[in-house]
Protein backbone atom coordinates (compact mmCIF):
# COMPACT_ATOMS: atom_id res chain seq x y z
CA MET A 1 95.70 164.42 149.74
CA ALA A 2 98.12 165.77 147.13
CA SER A 3 97.45 169.21 145.68
CA SER A 4 96.34 169.35 142.05
CA CYS A 5 97.65 171.25 139.04
CA ASP A 6 96.46 172.49 135.64
CA ILE A 7 98.05 169.60 133.77
CA SER A 8 96.25 166.83 131.90
CA VAL A 9 98.06 163.53 131.35
CA VAL A 10 97.71 161.84 127.95
CA ILE A 11 98.73 158.21 127.55
CA PRO A 12 98.50 156.53 124.12
CA LEU A 13 97.92 152.80 124.55
CA TYR A 14 98.45 149.91 122.18
CA ASN A 15 99.00 146.36 123.45
CA LYS A 16 101.02 147.23 126.56
CA SER A 17 99.45 144.76 128.97
CA ALA A 18 102.77 144.04 130.67
CA GLU A 19 103.62 147.69 131.25
CA ILE A 20 100.53 149.89 131.51
CA SER A 21 99.76 149.18 135.18
CA ARG A 22 103.21 150.34 136.21
CA ALA A 23 102.90 153.50 134.12
CA LEU A 24 99.48 154.38 135.53
CA ALA A 25 100.56 153.65 139.09
CA SER A 26 103.41 156.15 138.66
CA VAL A 27 100.93 158.86 137.61
CA LEU A 28 98.58 158.17 140.50
CA ALA A 29 101.51 158.28 142.94
CA GLN A 30 102.52 161.82 141.96
CA SER A 31 103.14 164.28 144.78
CA VAL A 32 101.07 166.78 142.77
CA ARG A 33 97.88 165.44 141.20
CA PRO A 34 97.06 166.07 137.51
CA ARG A 35 93.66 167.46 136.60
CA GLU A 36 92.87 164.30 134.62
CA ILE A 37 94.41 161.21 133.07
CA ILE A 38 93.29 160.45 129.52
CA VAL A 39 94.19 157.03 128.15
CA VAL A 40 93.61 156.73 124.40
CA ASP A 41 93.33 153.08 123.48
CA ASP A 42 94.55 152.73 119.91
CA GLY A 43 92.74 149.49 119.11
CA SER A 44 94.54 147.20 121.55
CA THR A 45 93.95 143.48 121.03
CA ASP A 46 95.26 142.34 124.42
CA ASP A 47 93.89 143.07 127.90
CA SER A 48 95.55 146.48 128.24
CA VAL A 49 92.23 148.33 128.54
CA GLU A 50 90.96 145.95 131.21
CA LYS A 51 94.07 146.67 133.24
CA VAL A 52 93.49 150.40 132.91
CA LYS A 53 89.87 150.07 134.01
CA SER A 54 90.95 148.11 137.08
CA PHE A 55 92.28 151.38 138.54
CA ASP A 56 89.60 153.04 140.61
CA SER A 57 90.34 156.72 140.12
CA PRO A 58 87.97 159.60 139.31
CA LEU A 59 90.83 161.22 137.39
CA LEU A 60 90.94 158.45 134.82
CA ARG A 61 89.03 158.16 131.57
CA VAL A 62 89.52 155.98 128.52
CA ILE A 63 88.92 156.95 124.89
CA ASN A 64 88.66 154.05 122.46
CA GLN A 65 89.54 154.25 118.77
CA GLU A 66 90.51 151.90 115.98
CA ASN A 67 94.23 151.42 115.44
CA ARG A 68 95.48 154.60 113.76
CA GLY A 69 98.94 155.06 115.27
CA VAL A 70 100.53 156.84 118.20
CA SER A 71 100.37 160.33 116.66
CA VAL A 72 96.60 160.11 116.19
CA ALA A 73 96.21 158.74 119.73
CA ARG A 74 98.21 161.58 121.22
CA ASN A 75 96.36 164.17 119.15
CA VAL A 76 92.98 162.78 120.23
CA GLY A 77 94.04 162.91 123.88
CA ILE A 78 95.42 166.44 123.59
CA GLY A 79 92.25 167.57 121.85
CA ALA A 80 90.12 166.07 124.64
CA ALA A 81 92.20 167.57 127.46
CA SER A 82 90.74 170.36 129.59
CA SER A 83 94.01 171.82 130.93
CA ARG A 84 96.30 174.46 129.46
CA TRP A 85 99.21 172.03 129.79
CA VAL A 86 99.47 168.41 128.70
CA ALA A 87 101.97 165.90 130.07
CA LEU A 88 102.74 163.02 127.73
CA LEU A 89 103.49 159.51 128.95
CA ASP A 90 103.93 156.36 126.89
CA GLY A 91 102.35 153.24 128.32
CA ASP A 92 105.64 151.48 128.95
CA ASP A 93 107.44 154.35 130.71
CA VAL A 94 107.13 155.65 134.27
CA TRP A 95 107.47 158.88 136.21
CA CYS A 96 109.28 159.49 139.46
CA ALA A 97 106.99 160.79 142.21
CA ASP A 98 107.91 164.47 141.73
CA PHE A 99 107.67 164.63 137.93
CA LEU A 100 104.55 166.80 137.87
CA ALA A 101 105.78 168.90 140.80
CA THR A 102 108.98 169.58 138.85
CA MET A 103 106.97 170.56 135.80
CA VAL A 104 104.74 172.90 137.80
CA ASP A 105 107.85 174.58 139.18
CA LEU A 106 109.32 174.94 135.68
CA ILE A 107 106.11 176.47 134.39
CA ASP A 108 106.03 178.92 137.30
CA ARG A 109 109.66 179.91 136.74
CA TYR A 110 109.52 180.09 132.95
CA PRO A 111 105.90 180.82 131.95
CA ASN A 112 104.60 180.73 128.38
CA CYS A 113 107.15 178.32 126.96
CA GLY A 114 105.90 175.96 124.31
CA ALA A 115 107.37 172.85 125.94
CA TYR A 116 109.09 171.75 129.14
CA GLY A 117 111.34 168.74 129.60
CA THR A 118 113.21 166.94 132.37
CA ALA A 119 116.20 164.66 132.42
CA PHE A 120 115.47 160.93 132.56
CA PHE A 121 116.87 157.44 132.94
CA VAL A 122 117.00 154.78 130.25
CA GLU A 123 116.06 151.31 131.46
CA GLN A 124 117.19 148.18 129.64
CA ASN A 125 117.62 144.62 130.86
CA GLY A 126 117.10 145.71 134.48
CA GLU A 127 119.79 148.39 134.28
CA ARG A 128 119.14 152.13 134.54
CA VAL A 129 121.45 154.55 132.79
CA ALA A 130 121.35 158.33 133.03
CA ALA A 131 120.45 159.68 129.59
CA ASP A 132 122.70 162.33 128.07
CA THR A 133 120.72 165.50 128.81
CA PRO A 134 121.53 169.19 129.47
CA SER A 135 123.04 169.90 132.87
CA GLU A 136 121.53 173.31 133.62
CA GLU A 137 117.99 174.41 134.42
CA GLY A 138 116.27 177.10 132.42
CA ILE A 139 115.30 178.12 128.92
CA VAL A 140 117.56 176.28 126.51
CA ASP A 141 118.67 176.84 122.94
CA PHE A 142 116.74 173.78 121.84
CA PHE A 143 118.43 173.12 118.52
CA ALA A 144 121.95 173.68 119.85
CA GLU A 145 121.33 171.37 122.81
CA ALA A 146 119.38 168.75 120.86
CA MET A 147 122.28 168.22 118.47
CA HIS A 148 124.19 166.64 121.38
CA HIS A 149 121.69 165.88 124.15
CA TYR A 150 118.16 164.67 124.74
CA VAL A 151 116.10 167.75 125.57
CA LEU A 152 112.54 166.54 125.01
CA LEU A 153 111.43 162.92 125.30
CA PRO A 154 107.65 162.33 125.05
CA SER A 155 107.44 160.68 128.47
CA ALA A 156 109.42 163.50 130.08
CA THR A 157 107.68 166.42 128.38
CA VAL A 158 104.84 168.83 129.05
CA VAL A 159 103.49 170.86 126.12
CA ARG A 160 101.24 173.90 125.85
CA ARG A 161 97.97 172.52 124.54
CA ASP A 162 96.82 175.51 122.48
CA LEU A 163 100.18 175.80 120.72
CA VAL A 164 100.26 172.11 119.83
CA LEU A 165 96.77 172.33 118.40
CA GLU A 166 97.69 175.48 116.47
CA LEU A 167 100.71 173.70 114.96
CA GLY A 168 98.63 170.71 113.89
CA GLY A 169 99.74 168.26 116.57
CA PHE A 170 101.85 165.18 115.99
CA PRO A 171 102.26 164.15 112.31
CA GLU A 172 99.66 161.45 111.77
CA GLY A 173 100.88 158.36 109.97
CA MET A 174 104.55 159.02 110.78
CA ARG A 175 105.90 156.02 112.67
CA LEU A 176 109.44 157.15 113.45
CA GLY A 177 110.55 160.62 114.53
CA GLU A 178 107.02 161.93 115.05
CA ASP A 179 108.00 163.54 118.34
CA GLN A 180 111.07 165.31 116.93
CA TYR A 181 108.92 166.58 114.07
CA LEU A 182 106.61 168.34 116.55
CA TRP A 183 109.49 169.52 118.77
CA THR A 184 111.00 171.23 115.71
CA LYS A 185 107.78 173.12 115.00
CA ILE A 186 107.38 174.13 118.66
CA ALA A 187 110.98 175.26 119.13
CA ARG A 188 110.85 177.42 116.00
CA VAL A 189 108.06 179.56 117.46
CA ALA A 190 108.40 179.28 121.26
CA ASP A 191 110.92 178.84 124.06
CA VAL A 192 111.69 175.46 125.58
CA ALA A 193 112.56 175.08 129.29
CA PHE A 194 114.41 172.17 130.86
CA SER A 195 115.12 170.72 134.31
CA PRO A 196 118.16 168.49 134.90
CA LYS A 197 116.26 166.58 137.60
CA ARG A 198 115.80 162.97 136.43
CA MET A 199 112.07 162.56 136.77
CA ALA A 200 111.18 159.85 134.21
CA ILE A 201 112.28 156.36 133.23
CA TYR A 202 112.25 155.44 129.56
CA SER A 203 112.06 151.71 128.84
CA ARG A 204 114.04 150.40 125.87
CA GLN A 205 112.97 146.81 126.50
CA ALA A 206 109.29 147.12 125.57
CA SER A 207 108.34 144.72 122.78
CA ASN A 208 106.31 147.15 120.70
CA ARG A 209 108.37 150.30 120.49
CA SER A 210 108.03 151.92 117.06
CA ALA A 211 111.46 150.90 115.81
CA ALA A 212 110.82 147.29 116.83
CA ILE A 213 107.61 147.01 114.81
CA TYR A 214 108.63 149.14 111.84
CA ARG A 215 106.24 149.25 108.90
CA PRO A 216 106.49 151.51 105.86
CA GLU A 217 104.92 154.87 106.58
CA GLN A 218 101.76 156.11 104.94
CA THR A 219 101.79 159.80 105.74
CA ARG A 220 101.79 163.15 104.05
CA PHE A 221 104.33 164.47 106.57
CA SER A 222 108.10 164.39 106.15
CA PHE A 223 111.23 165.96 107.58
CA GLU A 224 112.02 167.28 104.12
CA GLU A 225 109.09 169.69 104.38
CA LEU A 226 110.56 171.13 107.60
CA TYR A 227 113.67 172.32 105.78
CA ASP A 228 113.45 176.09 105.51
CA GLU A 229 116.22 178.43 104.43
CA ALA A 230 114.52 181.21 106.41
CA GLU A 231 114.97 179.24 109.65
CA SER A 232 118.20 178.95 111.63
CA GLU A 233 120.99 176.80 110.28
CA LEU A 234 120.96 174.79 113.49
CA SER A 235 117.28 173.92 113.15
CA ASN A 236 117.95 172.62 109.64
CA GLU A 237 120.95 170.68 110.95
CA TYR A 238 118.71 169.18 113.62
CA ILE A 239 116.11 167.90 111.20
CA ALA A 240 118.92 166.42 109.09
CA ARG A 241 120.29 164.61 112.13
CA VAL A 242 116.87 163.18 113.03
CA ALA A 243 116.01 162.24 109.45
CA ILE A 244 119.33 160.44 108.96
CA GLY A 245 118.80 158.45 112.16
CA LYS A 246 115.33 157.54 110.98
CA ALA A 247 116.66 156.51 107.57
CA LEU A 248 119.12 154.12 109.24
CA THR A 249 116.18 152.23 110.74
CA GLU A 250 114.36 152.29 107.43
CA SER A 251 117.41 150.92 105.64
CA VAL A 252 117.75 148.03 108.11
CA LYS A 253 114.07 147.18 107.70
CA GLY A 254 114.31 147.12 103.92
CA GLY A 255 113.35 150.69 103.07
CA THR A 256 116.26 151.11 100.69
CA GLN A 257 114.59 153.69 98.48
CA SER A 258 113.37 155.93 101.31
CA ALA A 259 116.79 155.74 102.98
CA ARG A 260 118.44 156.68 99.69
CA ARG A 261 116.13 159.68 99.30
CA ALA A 262 116.97 160.85 102.82
CA ALA A 263 120.72 160.50 102.21
CA ARG A 264 120.36 162.56 99.04
CA PHE A 265 118.10 165.29 100.48
CA PHE A 266 120.03 165.77 103.73
CA ALA A 267 123.47 165.74 102.15
CA TYR A 268 123.58 169.45 103.01
CA ASN A 269 124.32 168.65 106.66
CA ARG A 270 127.65 169.67 108.16
CA LEU A 271 127.26 168.39 111.71
CA SER A 272 126.05 164.81 111.16
CA ARG A 273 128.56 163.67 108.56
CA ARG A 274 129.53 160.48 110.39
CA ALA A 275 125.92 159.32 110.61
CA TRP A 276 125.33 160.35 107.00
CA TRP A 277 128.28 158.26 105.79
CA LYS A 278 127.12 155.38 107.99
CA LEU A 279 123.72 155.57 106.28
CA ARG A 280 125.23 155.59 102.81
CA ILE A 281 127.50 152.65 103.56
CA LEU A 282 124.80 150.64 105.33
CA ASN A 283 122.30 151.25 102.57
CA SER A 284 124.79 150.00 99.97
CA LEU A 285 125.11 146.60 101.67
CA PRO A 286 122.89 143.60 100.94
CA ARG A 287 119.66 143.84 102.90
CA PHE A 288 120.34 140.69 104.95
CA LEU A 289 123.61 142.08 106.33
CA ARG A 290 122.29 145.44 107.51
CA PRO A 291 120.55 144.44 110.79
CA SER A 292 123.52 142.58 112.25
CA ILE A 293 126.02 145.26 111.28
CA LEU A 294 123.93 148.13 112.68
CA ALA A 295 123.13 146.12 115.83
CA ALA A 296 126.82 145.48 116.42
CA TYR A 297 127.62 149.15 115.94
CA ASN A 298 124.83 150.25 118.31
CA TRP A 299 125.80 147.65 120.93
CA LEU A 300 129.36 148.91 120.92
CA ALA A 301 128.21 152.53 121.17
CA TRP A 302 125.91 151.63 124.10
CA LYS A 303 128.74 149.89 125.94
CA ILE A 304 131.08 152.81 125.45
CA ALA A 305 128.51 155.42 126.51
CA ARG A 306 126.83 153.67 129.42
CA LYS A 307 127.11 155.01 132.95
CA GLY A 308 125.38 152.41 135.07
CA ILE A 309 123.96 153.38 138.45
C-alpha cells in the first residue's frame, strides 16, 4: 500500500461526465496517497456525481452545492480540507503517478512556501505538448517567470491552506483569470517553489472550460483592484498581462465595454504592448468578425509554438 501524505485533494465538478473518472483514477493511482479527496459538485445536471460515487474509496467524499462557479467550489473544498496542504485538480485534467510524491519532495526541500507547482503537458486532439514552464527546480521569482512561462496551473499546484483562507480564497464570481488572481495575492506575501518534472496533463479539449462557456461576470473582484504602486513593478506588469488576455476573450464574446475598460486601465503596461495593441484592434472590429480573427491568430501561434511528443 502506498504511503500517505498531509495533502488533501480538492476537485471542483460541474458536468464533466466524460472526464471525471479519468481524473479520479489518476488520483487514486498516486504513488503517495493523499489524506483525502474532496469532490465539490457545483450543481451538475449530468451523471458526473454518479460516476464519482462509483469509486469505492474511503478517501473520497462528495460535497453538493447549487451552481455557484468554480471559485466557490474550490473555496468550499479548501475550507473543508483537513490537511495543511491542498492539491487542486480540475475534473477534466489528470496527474501522472508521481505528482503527489513530487509535491511532497518540494515541500520537504522548500518548506513554508505559499504555493508549489510542477511542469505539465497540454493535451489537445489526442496530442500532448510540453507546456512552456521554468526549467529549474527551486524557489522562483514568480512574477518574473510568469511573464514568460506557466508557473502555477490549478491542476499542477499545491497551496498552503491557511494562507489561502487568510487571503480570502479564489475570487467568487470571477469566471476568467480567477486562478491568476489568487496566485498574485499568494506570490506577493510568500515564496513559490517549482519542479520542472512534468507531472500533470491539462486538457484543452474539454467542452466546458471557462473560456468556452463565457458569460458576463457578476463579481466584486477585479484585476484593477490588485494594482498597487507599493508592490513590485513586475507584479503590476503581471496583472496587466493577465487582465489583457482576459479582455481579449471578453471582447470576442461581446464584452466590448469591459474590454475597453481593461485596455484603458492597463495602458500603463510596458511588457505586454503587443497583446494590448491586439486587444485595442480586435475590440474596434465589428463583433461578428472578432471570433474568427482571434481564432486564426491563436491557431497560428499554437502551430508555431508546438513541440509535439
